[in-house]
Amino acid sequence: MRIPLYITEYDDRSARRAKRASHLGQEVDWAARLPALWRGLTIGPLWVDVNRDEGTGAERWMGYDEEEQPCFCRYRFQVPIGFIDSGVASHYREDLAAWRLRDGRWLIHRVINSQSEGKAAYAFYAFSERMPR
């Protein structure tokens, strides 16, 4: 499914973009987790393709720029990993968002939650030469 992103603000001189889309009645902000320091260095998507697996609750978002090249991606999934002492099933959850920078690198933000370790979710940013798969 292709979702158009409607431009609400764009200043070509400073490359500042704030684009928003609506999907199933919920507003989607592709730059929500993008640090302000990096906003001017990213390429914003003009549209987003959304793929969902309703059975597992997994989803993948792919955003494309003016040249139809990927410039934003996001995925979320969870996997059951068994039972903890309390007898309640636990899950490994991952939520990743990535943005292509103007120099071709990708800025990646990953949030991992593994209840089996008894920890809260932890998150980190990283750079990559390639888009996450």
N, C-alpha and C. Protein backbone atom coordinates (compact mmCIF):
# COMPACT_ATOMS: atom_id res chain seq x y z
N MET A 1 0.85 -1.15 0.00
CA MET A 1 0.00 0.00 0.00
C MET A 1 0.91 1.23 0.00
N ARG A 2 0.62 2.20 -0.82
CA ARG A 2 1.40 3.42 -0.90
C ARG A 2 0.66 4.55 -0.21
N ILE A 3 1.36 5.25 0.70
CA ILE A 3 0.76 6.34 1.47
C ILE A 3 1.46 7.63 1.09
N PRO A 4 0.73 8.63 0.60
CA PRO A 4 1.39 9.90 0.30
C PRO A 4 1.72 10.66 1.58
N LEU A 5 2.83 11.36 1.57
CA LEU A 5 3.19 12.23 2.68
C LEU A 5 2.92 13.65 2.25
N TYR A 6 2.18 14.37 3.04
CA TYR A 6 1.82 15.74 2.69
C TYR A 6 2.80 16.70 3.33
N ILE A 7 3.39 17.55 2.52
CA ILE A 7 4.38 18.49 3.00
C ILE A 7 3.69 19.60 3.77
N THR A 8 4.10 19.81 5.02
CA THR A 8 3.55 20.89 5.82
C THR A 8 4.57 22.01 5.97
N GLU A 9 5.83 21.69 5.74
CA GLU A 9 6.86 22.71 5.86
C GLU A 9 8.07 22.27 5.04
N TYR A 10 8.59 23.15 4.23
CA TYR A 10 9.78 22.84 3.45
C TYR A 10 10.53 24.12 3.12
N ASP A 11 11.79 24.15 3.50
CA ASP A 11 12.64 25.28 3.22
C ASP A 11 13.87 24.75 2.51
N ASP A 12 13.95 24.92 1.20
CA ASP A 12 15.02 24.33 0.40
C ASP A 12 16.40 24.82 0.82
N ARG A 13 16.52 26.07 1.27
CA ARG A 13 17.83 26.61 1.65
C ARG A 13 18.41 25.90 2.86
N SER A 14 17.59 25.57 3.83
CA SER A 14 18.11 24.90 5.02
C SER A 14 17.80 23.41 5.01
N ALA A 15 17.16 22.93 3.95
CA ALA A 15 16.82 21.51 3.81
C ALA A 15 16.04 21.00 5.02
N ARG A 16 15.17 21.82 5.58
CA ARG A 16 14.36 21.44 6.73
C ARG A 16 13.01 20.94 6.21
N ARG A 17 12.67 19.74 6.56
CA ARG A 17 11.41 19.16 6.11
C ARG A 17 10.63 18.61 7.29
N ALA A 18 9.36 18.80 7.26
CA ALA A 18 8.47 18.16 8.22
C ALA A 18 7.29 17.65 7.42
N LYS A 19 7.27 16.37 7.13
CA LYS A 19 6.21 15.78 6.32
C LYS A 19 5.43 14.82 7.19
N ARG A 20 4.15 14.78 7.00
CA ARG A 20 3.31 13.91 7.79
C ARG A 20 2.36 13.15 6.88
N ALA A 21 1.98 11.98 7.31
CA ALA A 21 1.04 11.16 6.57
C ALA A 21 0.00 10.60 7.52
N SER A 22 -1.09 10.14 6.97
CA SER A 22 -2.12 9.50 7.77
C SER A 22 -2.27 8.08 7.27
N HIS A 23 -2.33 7.15 8.20
CA HIS A 23 -2.53 5.76 7.84
C HIS A 23 -3.51 5.16 8.84
N LEU A 24 -4.61 4.65 8.36
CA LEU A 24 -5.65 4.05 9.19
C LEU A 24 -6.09 5.01 10.30
N GLY A 25 -6.20 6.29 9.95
CA GLY A 25 -6.69 7.27 10.90
C GLY A 25 -5.65 7.78 11.88
N GLN A 26 -4.43 7.29 11.81
CA GLN A 26 -3.38 7.73 12.72
C GLN A 26 -2.34 8.52 11.94
N GLU A 27 -1.90 9.63 12.53
CA GLU A 27 -0.88 10.44 11.88
C GLU A 27 0.48 9.76 12.02
N VAL A 28 1.25 9.78 10.94
CA VAL A 28 2.58 9.19 10.91
C VAL A 28 3.59 10.31 10.70
N ASP A 29 4.55 10.39 11.58
CA ASP A 29 5.60 11.40 11.47
C ASP A 29 6.92 10.67 11.23
N TRP A 30 7.44 10.70 10.02
CA TRP A 30 8.65 9.95 9.67
C TRP A 30 9.88 10.45 10.42
N ALA A 31 9.85 11.67 10.92
CA ALA A 31 11.02 12.24 11.61
C ALA A 31 10.86 12.26 13.12
N ALA A 32 9.90 11.53 13.67
CA ALA A 32 9.61 11.59 15.11
C ALA A 32 10.83 11.23 15.96
N ARG A 33 11.60 10.24 15.57
CA ARG A 33 12.74 9.79 16.37
C ARG A 33 14.07 10.33 15.84
N LEU A 34 13.99 11.17 14.86
CA LEU A 34 15.20 11.74 14.25
C LEU A 34 15.71 12.91 15.09
N PRO A 35 16.96 12.86 15.57
CA PRO A 35 17.48 13.97 16.38
C PRO A 35 17.49 15.27 15.59
N ALA A 36 17.18 16.37 16.26
CA ALA A 36 17.12 17.68 15.61
C ALA A 36 18.42 18.02 14.90
N LEU A 37 19.54 17.61 15.47
CA LEU A 37 20.85 17.87 14.88
C LEU A 37 20.99 17.29 13.48
N TRP A 38 20.31 16.18 13.21
CA TRP A 38 20.46 15.47 11.93
C TRP A 38 19.34 15.75 10.94
N ARG A 39 18.29 16.45 11.35
CA ARG A 39 17.13 16.68 10.46
C ARG A 39 17.50 17.35 9.15
N GLY A 40 18.36 18.35 9.20
CA GLY A 40 18.74 19.06 7.99
C GLY A 40 19.64 18.26 7.07
N LEU A 41 20.15 17.12 7.55
CA LEU A 41 21.07 16.31 6.75
C LEU A 41 20.40 15.06 6.17
N THR A 42 19.10 14.91 6.41
CA THR A 42 18.39 13.74 5.89
C THR A 42 17.59 14.09 4.64
N ILE A 43 17.22 13.06 3.93
CA ILE A 43 16.37 13.20 2.74
C ILE A 43 15.00 12.69 3.15
N GLY A 44 14.00 13.53 3.02
CA GLY A 44 12.65 13.16 3.44
C GLY A 44 11.89 12.41 2.36
N PRO A 45 11.05 11.46 2.76
CA PRO A 45 10.27 10.68 1.79
C PRO A 45 9.09 11.47 1.24
N LEU A 46 8.76 11.20 -0.01
CA LEU A 46 7.56 11.75 -0.63
C LEU A 46 6.38 10.80 -0.49
N TRP A 47 6.66 9.50 -0.37
CA TRP A 47 5.61 8.52 -0.12
C TRP A 47 6.21 7.35 0.65
N VAL A 48 5.32 6.58 1.25
CA VAL A 48 5.73 5.44 2.07
C VAL A 48 4.90 4.22 1.68
N ASP A 49 5.58 3.11 1.47
CA ASP A 49 4.90 1.82 1.27
C ASP A 49 4.86 1.12 2.62
N VAL A 50 3.69 0.57 2.96
CA VAL A 50 3.51 -0.11 4.25
C VAL A 50 3.15 -1.55 4.00
N ASN A 51 3.88 -2.46 4.66
CA ASN A 51 3.59 -3.88 4.60
C ASN A 51 3.36 -4.37 6.02
N ARG A 52 2.23 -5.05 6.23
CA ARG A 52 1.90 -5.54 7.56
C ARG A 52 1.55 -7.02 7.51
N ASP A 53 1.93 -7.72 8.55
CA ASP A 53 1.52 -9.10 8.75
C ASP A 53 0.63 -9.09 9.99
N GLU A 54 -0.67 -9.09 9.77
CA GLU A 54 -1.62 -8.98 10.87
C GLU A 54 -1.50 -10.14 11.85
N GLY A 55 -1.12 -11.30 11.36
CA GLY A 55 -1.01 -12.47 12.24
C GLY A 55 0.07 -12.33 13.29
N THR A 56 1.19 -11.75 12.93
CA THR A 56 2.31 -11.61 13.87
C THR A 56 2.44 -10.21 14.44
N GLY A 57 1.75 -9.25 13.85
CA GLY A 57 1.86 -7.87 14.31
C GLY A 57 3.11 -7.17 13.79
N ALA A 58 3.80 -7.78 12.85
CA ALA A 58 5.01 -7.17 12.29
C ALA A 58 4.62 -6.18 11.19
N GLU A 59 5.44 -5.14 11.02
CA GLU A 59 5.22 -4.20 9.94
C GLU A 59 6.54 -3.61 9.47
N ARG A 60 6.54 -3.21 8.20
CA ARG A 60 7.72 -2.59 7.59
C ARG A 60 7.25 -1.42 6.75
N TRP A 61 7.91 -0.27 6.95
CA TRP A 61 7.61 0.95 6.22
C TRP A 61 8.83 1.29 5.37
N MET A 62 8.61 1.63 4.11
CA MET A 62 9.69 2.06 3.22
C MET A 62 9.28 3.38 2.60
N GLY A 63 10.10 4.42 2.82
CA GLY A 63 9.85 5.74 2.25
C GLY A 63 10.77 6.01 1.08
N TYR A 64 10.26 6.70 0.07
CA TYR A 64 11.02 6.94 -1.16
C TYR A 64 11.11 8.43 -1.47
N ASP A 65 12.25 8.84 -2.02
CA ASP A 65 12.48 10.24 -2.36
C ASP A 65 12.02 10.55 -3.78
N GLU A 66 12.38 11.73 -4.27
CA GLU A 66 11.96 12.19 -5.60
C GLU A 66 12.47 11.29 -6.72
N GLU A 67 13.60 10.62 -6.50
CA GLU A 67 14.18 9.74 -7.51
C GLU A 67 13.77 8.28 -7.31
N GLU A 68 12.76 8.07 -6.48
CA GLU A 68 12.23 6.75 -6.16
C GLU A 68 13.27 5.83 -5.54
N GLN A 69 14.19 6.42 -4.78
CA GLN A 69 15.19 5.67 -4.04
C GLN A 69 14.79 5.64 -2.56
N PRO A 70 15.03 4.53 -1.87
CA PRO A 70 14.68 4.47 -0.45
C PRO A 70 15.45 5.52 0.35
N CYS A 71 14.74 6.24 1.22
CA CYS A 71 15.39 7.24 2.06
C CYS A 71 14.93 7.14 3.51
N PHE A 72 13.95 6.30 3.78
CA PHE A 72 13.46 6.09 5.14
C PHE A 72 12.96 4.66 5.25
N CYS A 73 13.25 4.01 6.36
CA CYS A 73 12.65 2.70 6.59
C CYS A 73 12.37 2.54 8.08
N ARG A 74 11.40 1.73 8.35
CA ARG A 74 11.05 1.43 9.73
C ARG A 74 10.48 0.03 9.77
N TYR A 75 10.86 -0.73 10.78
CA TYR A 75 10.20 -2.01 10.99
C TYR A 75 10.00 -2.25 12.47
N ARG A 76 8.98 -3.03 12.75
CA ARG A 76 8.65 -3.44 14.11
C ARG A 76 8.24 -4.90 14.07
N PHE A 77 8.69 -5.64 15.08
CA PHE A 77 8.24 -7.03 15.19
C PHE A 77 8.42 -7.49 16.64
N GLN A 78 7.77 -8.60 16.95
CA GLN A 78 7.96 -9.23 18.24
C GLN A 78 7.93 -10.74 18.05
N VAL A 79 8.72 -11.42 18.88
CA VAL A 79 8.83 -12.87 18.81
C VAL A 79 8.69 -13.42 20.22
N PRO A 80 7.80 -14.39 20.43
CA PRO A 80 7.69 -14.98 21.77
C PRO A 80 8.97 -15.76 22.09
N ILE A 81 9.44 -15.64 23.34
CA ILE A 81 10.68 -16.32 23.72
C ILE A 81 10.49 -17.24 24.93
N GLY A 82 9.27 -17.57 25.24
CA GLY A 82 9.04 -18.51 26.33
C GLY A 82 8.43 -17.86 27.56
N PHE A 83 8.58 -18.54 28.66
CA PHE A 83 7.98 -18.10 29.91
C PHE A 83 9.06 -17.71 30.91
N ILE A 84 8.77 -16.67 31.68
CA ILE A 84 9.66 -16.27 32.77
C ILE A 84 9.10 -16.88 34.05
N ASP A 85 9.76 -16.68 35.15
CA ASP A 85 9.37 -17.27 36.44
C ASP A 85 7.89 -17.14 36.75
N SER A 86 7.28 -16.03 36.39
CA SER A 86 5.89 -15.78 36.74
C SER A 86 4.91 -16.62 35.91
N GLY A 87 5.41 -17.32 34.90
CA GLY A 87 4.53 -18.12 34.06
C GLY A 87 3.90 -17.34 32.94
N VAL A 88 4.27 -16.07 32.80
CA VAL A 88 3.72 -15.22 31.74
C VAL A 88 4.66 -15.28 30.54
N ALA A 89 4.09 -15.45 29.35
CA ALA A 89 4.90 -15.50 28.14
C ALA A 89 5.61 -14.16 27.94
N SER A 90 6.87 -14.21 27.53
CA SER A 90 7.63 -12.99 27.27
C SER A 90 7.93 -12.89 25.79
N HIS A 91 8.33 -11.70 25.36
CA HIS A 91 8.59 -11.45 23.95
C HIS A 91 9.88 -10.68 23.77
N TYR A 92 10.53 -10.94 22.66
CA TYR A 92 11.63 -10.09 22.19
C TYR A 92 10.98 -9.13 21.22
N ARG A 93 11.17 -7.82 21.43
CA ARG A 93 10.59 -6.81 20.55
C ARG A 93 11.69 -5.94 19.99
N GLU A 94 11.54 -5.59 18.73
CA GLU A 94 12.50 -4.68 18.11
C GLU A 94 11.74 -3.66 17.27
N ASP A 95 12.18 -2.41 17.34
CA ASP A 95 11.61 -1.30 16.58
C ASP A 95 12.77 -0.50 16.01
N LEU A 96 12.88 -0.46 14.71
CA LEU A 96 14.00 0.22 14.06
C LEU A 96 13.47 1.29 13.13
N ALA A 97 14.12 2.45 13.14
CA ALA A 97 13.85 3.51 12.17
C ALA A 97 15.19 3.94 11.60
N ALA A 98 15.24 4.21 10.30
CA ALA A 98 16.50 4.61 9.66
C ALA A 98 16.22 5.67 8.60
N TRP A 99 17.15 6.61 8.47
CA TRP A 99 17.04 7.71 7.54
C TRP A 99 18.31 7.81 6.71
N ARG A 100 18.16 8.00 5.40
CA ARG A 100 19.33 8.18 4.54
C ARG A 100 19.80 9.62 4.64
N LEU A 101 21.08 9.79 4.91
CA LEU A 101 21.67 11.11 4.99
C LEU A 101 22.09 11.57 3.60
N ARG A 102 22.31 12.84 3.43
CA ARG A 102 22.67 13.39 2.13
C ARG A 102 24.00 12.87 1.62
N ASP A 103 24.88 12.39 2.51
CA ASP A 103 26.17 11.84 2.07
C ASP A 103 26.08 10.35 1.73
N GLY A 104 24.86 9.77 1.79
CA GLY A 104 24.66 8.38 1.40
C GLY A 104 24.63 7.40 2.56
N ARG A 105 25.14 7.80 3.73
CA ARG A 105 25.09 6.91 4.90
C ARG A 105 23.67 6.86 5.45
N TRP A 106 23.44 5.90 6.31
CA TRP A 106 22.15 5.75 6.98
C TRP A 106 22.34 5.95 8.48
N LEU A 107 21.45 6.74 9.07
CA LEU A 107 21.39 6.91 10.51
C LEU A 107 20.29 5.97 11.00
N ILE A 108 20.64 5.11 11.94
CA ILE A 108 19.72 4.06 12.40
C ILE A 108 19.44 4.24 13.88
N HIS A 109 18.17 4.16 14.24
CA HIS A 109 17.77 4.17 15.65
C HIS A 109 17.06 2.85 15.94
N ARG A 110 17.61 2.08 16.87
CA ARG A 110 17.05 0.77 17.18
C ARG A 110 16.65 0.73 18.65
N VAL A 111 15.44 0.22 18.90
CA VAL A 111 14.93 0.03 20.26
C VAL A 111 14.69 -1.46 20.43
N ILE A 112 15.31 -2.03 21.46
CA ILE A 112 15.21 -3.47 21.72
C ILE A 112 14.65 -3.67 23.12
N ASN A 113 13.67 -4.58 23.21
CA ASN A 113 13.08 -4.92 24.50
C ASN A 113 13.01 -6.42 24.59
N SER A 114 13.78 -6.97 25.52
CA SER A 114 13.76 -8.41 25.75
C SER A 114 13.38 -8.63 27.21
N GLN A 115 12.15 -8.97 27.43
CA GLN A 115 11.65 -9.11 28.80
C GLN A 115 12.34 -10.25 29.54
N SER A 116 12.91 -11.21 28.81
CA SER A 116 13.54 -12.34 29.47
C SER A 116 14.77 -11.92 30.27
N GLU A 117 15.38 -10.80 29.91
CA GLU A 117 16.56 -10.34 30.62
C GLU A 117 16.19 -9.50 31.83
N GLY A 118 14.91 -9.27 32.03
CA GLY A 118 14.46 -8.48 33.16
C GLY A 118 14.83 -7.01 33.04
N LYS A 119 15.08 -6.55 31.85
CA LYS A 119 15.46 -5.15 31.62
C LYS A 119 14.33 -4.41 30.94
N ALA A 120 14.38 -3.12 31.08
CA ALA A 120 13.50 -2.27 30.28
C ALA A 120 14.10 -2.19 28.88
N ALA A 121 13.39 -1.61 27.97
CA ALA A 121 13.89 -1.46 26.61
C ALA A 121 15.14 -0.57 26.60
N TYR A 122 16.05 -0.86 25.71
CA TYR A 122 17.19 0.02 25.52
C TYR A 122 17.27 0.41 24.06
N ALA A 123 17.82 1.58 23.81
CA ALA A 123 17.84 2.13 22.46
C ALA A 123 19.22 2.71 22.17
N PHE A 124 19.57 2.75 20.88
CA PHE A 124 20.84 3.34 20.49
C PHE A 124 20.76 3.81 19.04
N TYR A 125 21.64 4.75 18.69
CA TYR A 125 21.80 5.23 17.32
C TYR A 125 23.10 4.65 16.76
N ALA A 126 23.12 4.43 15.45
CA ALA A 126 24.31 3.94 14.77
C ALA A 126 24.29 4.44 13.33
N PHE A 127 25.46 4.43 12.70
CA PHE A 127 25.57 4.77 11.29
C PHE A 127 25.88 3.50 10.50
N SER A 128 25.43 3.47 9.26
CA SER A 128 25.71 2.33 8.38
C SER A 128 25.92 2.84 6.96
N GLU A 129 26.72 2.12 6.22
CA GLU A 129 26.91 2.43 4.79
C GLU A 129 25.73 1.94 3.96
N ARG A 130 24.93 1.01 4.53
CA ARG A 130 23.81 0.44 3.80
C ARG A 130 22.51 0.57 4.58
N MET A 131 21.42 0.53 3.84
CA MET A 131 20.11 0.55 4.46
C MET A 131 19.91 -0.75 5.25
N PRO A 132 19.33 -0.68 6.45
CA PRO A 132 19.06 -1.91 7.21
C PRO A 132 18.05 -2.79 6.48
N ARG A 133 18.22 -4.06 6.60
CA ARG A 133 17.32 -5.03 5.94
C ARG A 133 16.49 -5.77 6.95
